[in-house]
Protein backbone atom coordinates (compact mmCIF):
# COMPACT_ATOMS: atom_id res chain seq x y z
CA MET A 1 -10.67 -54.62 83.98
CA LEU A 2 -14.15 -55.79 83.03
CA ASN A 3 -14.32 -58.50 80.41
CA VAL A 4 -17.21 -57.40 78.20
CA ARG A 5 -17.70 -60.80 76.56
CA SER A 6 -18.02 -62.68 79.84
CA ALA A 7 -20.16 -59.95 81.39
CA PHE A 8 -22.49 -60.05 78.38
CA SER A 9 -22.61 -63.85 78.40
CA GLU A 10 -23.39 -64.01 82.11
CA ALA A 11 -26.05 -61.31 81.84
CA THR A 12 -27.82 -62.72 78.78
CA LEU A 13 -27.46 -66.47 79.08
CA PRO A 14 -30.29 -66.90 81.58
CA TYR A 15 -32.57 -65.02 79.19
CA LEU A 16 -31.33 -66.36 75.87
CA GLY A 17 -30.60 -69.94 76.83
CA THR A 18 -27.33 -70.80 75.08
CA LYS A 19 -24.24 -69.08 73.75
CA ARG A 20 -25.56 -69.74 70.26
CA ASP A 21 -28.71 -67.74 71.07
CA ALA A 22 -26.55 -64.93 72.47
CA ARG A 23 -24.44 -64.82 69.30
CA SER A 24 -27.56 -64.79 67.13
CA PHE A 25 -28.95 -61.96 69.22
CA LEU A 26 -25.70 -59.98 68.89
CA LEU A 27 -25.63 -60.55 65.14
CA ALA A 28 -29.25 -59.40 64.78
CA VAL A 29 -28.61 -56.22 66.82
CA THR A 30 -25.47 -55.45 64.82
CA LEU A 31 -27.27 -55.90 61.50
CA LEU A 32 -30.15 -53.75 62.67
CA CYS A 33 -27.75 -50.96 63.63
CA LEU A 34 -25.99 -51.18 60.27
CA ILE A 35 -29.11 -50.99 58.12
CA THR A 36 -30.86 -48.25 60.08
CA PRO A 37 -29.93 -44.96 58.41
CA ALA A 38 -28.52 -42.26 60.62
CA LYS A 39 -30.68 -39.22 60.05
CA ALA A 40 -30.63 -36.22 62.32
CA GLU A 41 -33.20 -33.49 62.26
CA TYR A 42 -31.90 -30.07 61.23
CA ARG A 43 -31.34 -27.69 64.15
CA LEU A 44 -31.33 -23.92 63.79
CA GLN A 45 -28.06 -22.11 64.42
CA VAL A 46 -26.65 -18.63 63.98
CA GLY A 47 -26.82 -17.64 60.32
CA ASP A 48 -30.08 -19.41 59.50
CA ALA A 49 -33.07 -17.32 58.44
CA ILE A 50 -36.69 -18.24 59.03
CA GLU A 51 -39.90 -16.77 57.68
CA ILE A 52 -42.85 -16.43 60.01
CA SER A 53 -46.26 -15.69 58.57
CA VAL A 54 -49.87 -15.55 59.73
CA ALA A 55 -52.50 -16.67 57.20
CA ARG A 56 -55.01 -13.80 57.47
CA LEU A 57 -52.44 -11.11 58.28
CA PRO A 58 -49.97 -10.66 55.43
CA GLU A 59 -48.47 -7.61 57.14
CA LEU A 60 -47.08 -9.91 59.86
CA LYS A 61 -45.07 -11.96 57.34
CA GLN A 62 -41.45 -11.40 58.22
CA ARG A 63 -38.10 -12.96 57.45
CA VAL A 64 -35.83 -13.01 60.50
CA ALA A 65 -32.25 -14.19 60.91
CA VAL A 66 -30.97 -16.07 63.94
CA GLN A 67 -28.77 -13.55 65.74
CA LEU A 68 -25.37 -14.17 67.34
CA ASP A 69 -27.03 -14.74 70.73
CA GLY A 70 -29.28 -17.47 69.24
CA THR A 71 -32.49 -15.44 69.22
CA ILE A 72 -34.90 -13.92 66.72
CA SER A 73 -37.08 -10.83 67.10
CA PHE A 74 -40.67 -10.80 65.89
CA PRO A 75 -43.46 -8.21 66.32
CA LEU A 76 -46.01 -9.07 69.03
CA LEU A 77 -43.57 -11.56 70.56
CA GLY A 78 -40.33 -9.77 71.18
CA THR A 79 -37.15 -11.84 71.39
CA ILE A 80 -37.37 -15.64 71.17
CA ALA A 81 -34.53 -18.15 71.75
CA VAL A 82 -34.44 -20.58 68.81
CA VAL A 83 -30.88 -21.93 68.63
CA ASP A 84 -30.66 -25.76 68.71
CA LEU A 85 -34.41 -26.11 68.01
CA SER A 86 -35.80 -27.99 65.02
CA PRO A 87 -38.01 -26.10 62.55
CA ALA A 88 -41.06 -27.94 63.93
CA GLN A 89 -40.16 -26.88 67.49
CA VAL A 90 -39.74 -23.26 66.39
CA GLN A 91 -43.12 -23.33 64.67
CA ALA A 92 -44.77 -24.84 67.76
CA LYS A 93 -43.13 -22.23 69.99
CA VAL A 94 -44.24 -19.32 67.79
CA GLN A 95 -47.75 -20.79 67.45
CA ALA A 96 -48.06 -21.11 71.23
CA MET A 97 -46.85 -17.56 71.78
CA LEU A 98 -49.09 -16.03 69.10
CA ALA A 99 -52.19 -18.04 70.04
CA ALA A 100 -54.97 -15.88 71.45
CA LYS A 101 -53.13 -12.65 70.55
CA VAL A 102 -55.34 -9.97 69.12
CA PHE A 103 -54.03 -7.94 66.20
CA ARG A 104 -55.67 -4.68 65.22
CA GLN A 105 -55.97 -4.29 61.49
CA ARG A 106 -56.89 -1.04 59.78
CA THR A 107 -59.09 -1.29 56.70
CA SER A 108 -58.88 0.96 53.63
CA ASP A 109 -61.88 3.04 54.79
CA GLY A 110 -60.17 3.83 58.12
CA ARG A 111 -62.05 1.42 60.35
CA GLU A 112 -60.22 -0.87 62.74
CA ASN A 113 -60.82 -4.62 62.96
CA SER A 114 -59.61 -6.90 65.73
CA VAL A 115 -58.29 -10.23 64.50
CA ALA A 116 -57.63 -13.11 66.91
CA ILE A 117 -54.72 -15.26 65.75
CA GLU A 118 -55.32 -19.01 65.77
CA PRO A 119 -52.36 -21.40 66.20
CA ASN A 120 -53.02 -23.23 62.91
CA GLU A 121 -52.71 -19.92 60.99
CA VAL A 122 -49.07 -19.47 61.97
CA THR A 123 -46.23 -20.97 59.92
CA ALA A 124 -42.49 -20.80 60.46
CA ARG A 125 -40.11 -22.25 57.89
CA ILE A 126 -36.41 -22.04 57.08
CA VAL A 127 -35.84 -19.86 54.03
CA GLU A 128 -32.06 -19.67 54.19
CA TYR A 129 -29.64 -22.14 55.72
CA ARG A 130 -26.36 -21.08 57.28
CA PRO A 131 -23.41 -21.50 54.90
CA ILE A 132 -20.98 -24.39 54.97
CA TYR A 133 -17.25 -24.14 54.28
CA VAL A 134 -15.21 -26.42 52.05
CA ASN A 135 -11.42 -26.24 52.24
CA GLY A 136 -8.61 -28.44 51.03
CA ASP A 137 -7.54 -29.53 47.59
CA VAL A 138 -10.41 -27.86 45.69
CA SER A 139 -10.51 -25.12 43.04
CA LYS A 140 -13.10 -23.01 44.86
CA PRO A 141 -12.45 -23.28 48.61
CA GLY A 142 -14.57 -21.34 51.04
CA GLU A 143 -18.22 -20.67 51.66
CA GLN A 144 -20.92 -22.70 49.93
CA VAL A 145 -24.67 -22.21 50.15
CA TYR A 146 -26.14 -25.20 52.01
CA ARG A 147 -28.99 -27.09 50.41
CA ARG A 148 -31.21 -29.43 52.37
CA SER A 149 -30.11 -33.09 52.34
CA TRP A 150 -26.69 -32.34 50.87
CA THR A 151 -23.89 -34.82 51.39
CA ALA A 152 -20.23 -33.98 51.96
CA ARG A 153 -19.42 -35.51 48.57
CA GLN A 154 -21.85 -33.14 46.80
CA ALA A 155 -20.37 -30.10 48.56
CA ILE A 156 -16.86 -31.12 47.51
CA ALA A 157 -18.00 -31.72 43.92
CA LEU A 158 -19.52 -28.22 43.77
CA SER A 159 -16.23 -26.82 45.04
CA ALA A 160 -14.56 -28.40 42.01
CA ALA A 161 -12.30 -30.98 43.58
CA THR A 162 -8.97 -31.17 41.77
CA THR A 163 -7.69 -34.50 43.14
CA TRP A 164 -9.05 -37.62 44.74
CA ARG A 165 -7.75 -36.39 48.14
CA ALA A 166 -10.25 -33.51 48.35
């Protein structure tokens, strides 16, 4: 079995000089890992809903839900796979697909205008997050509406925890 301490010492001593330097290095790395907050970017999953809109074309504004197969359907684009993508990645994907598309717009007097869609005119944002579920020793177990940057403690508090074990 590999002895991690001796393997680390042998590997780092030529670079760090002494065992004291190696310990200081280990302590610094450990402290850095402890103070760096763990923050993951939100990823779309089934049950989320996003709104896609184009600045000069309000008729293209549409709210679409992520389907069971992990896709959304949008006019001019068809079906797009979005599961496990961040909101920024979804927006970039939709912008790339809609760029240089030409949309024909009918005016009130019956004429038809052609409008080229620019990438910076397209926005995609999450308008509804998938629900979370709280079970256990709470008064209101079950589905809760997720709010961005919620903690587990806040979800339990909203479910009206009845004991400290919830």
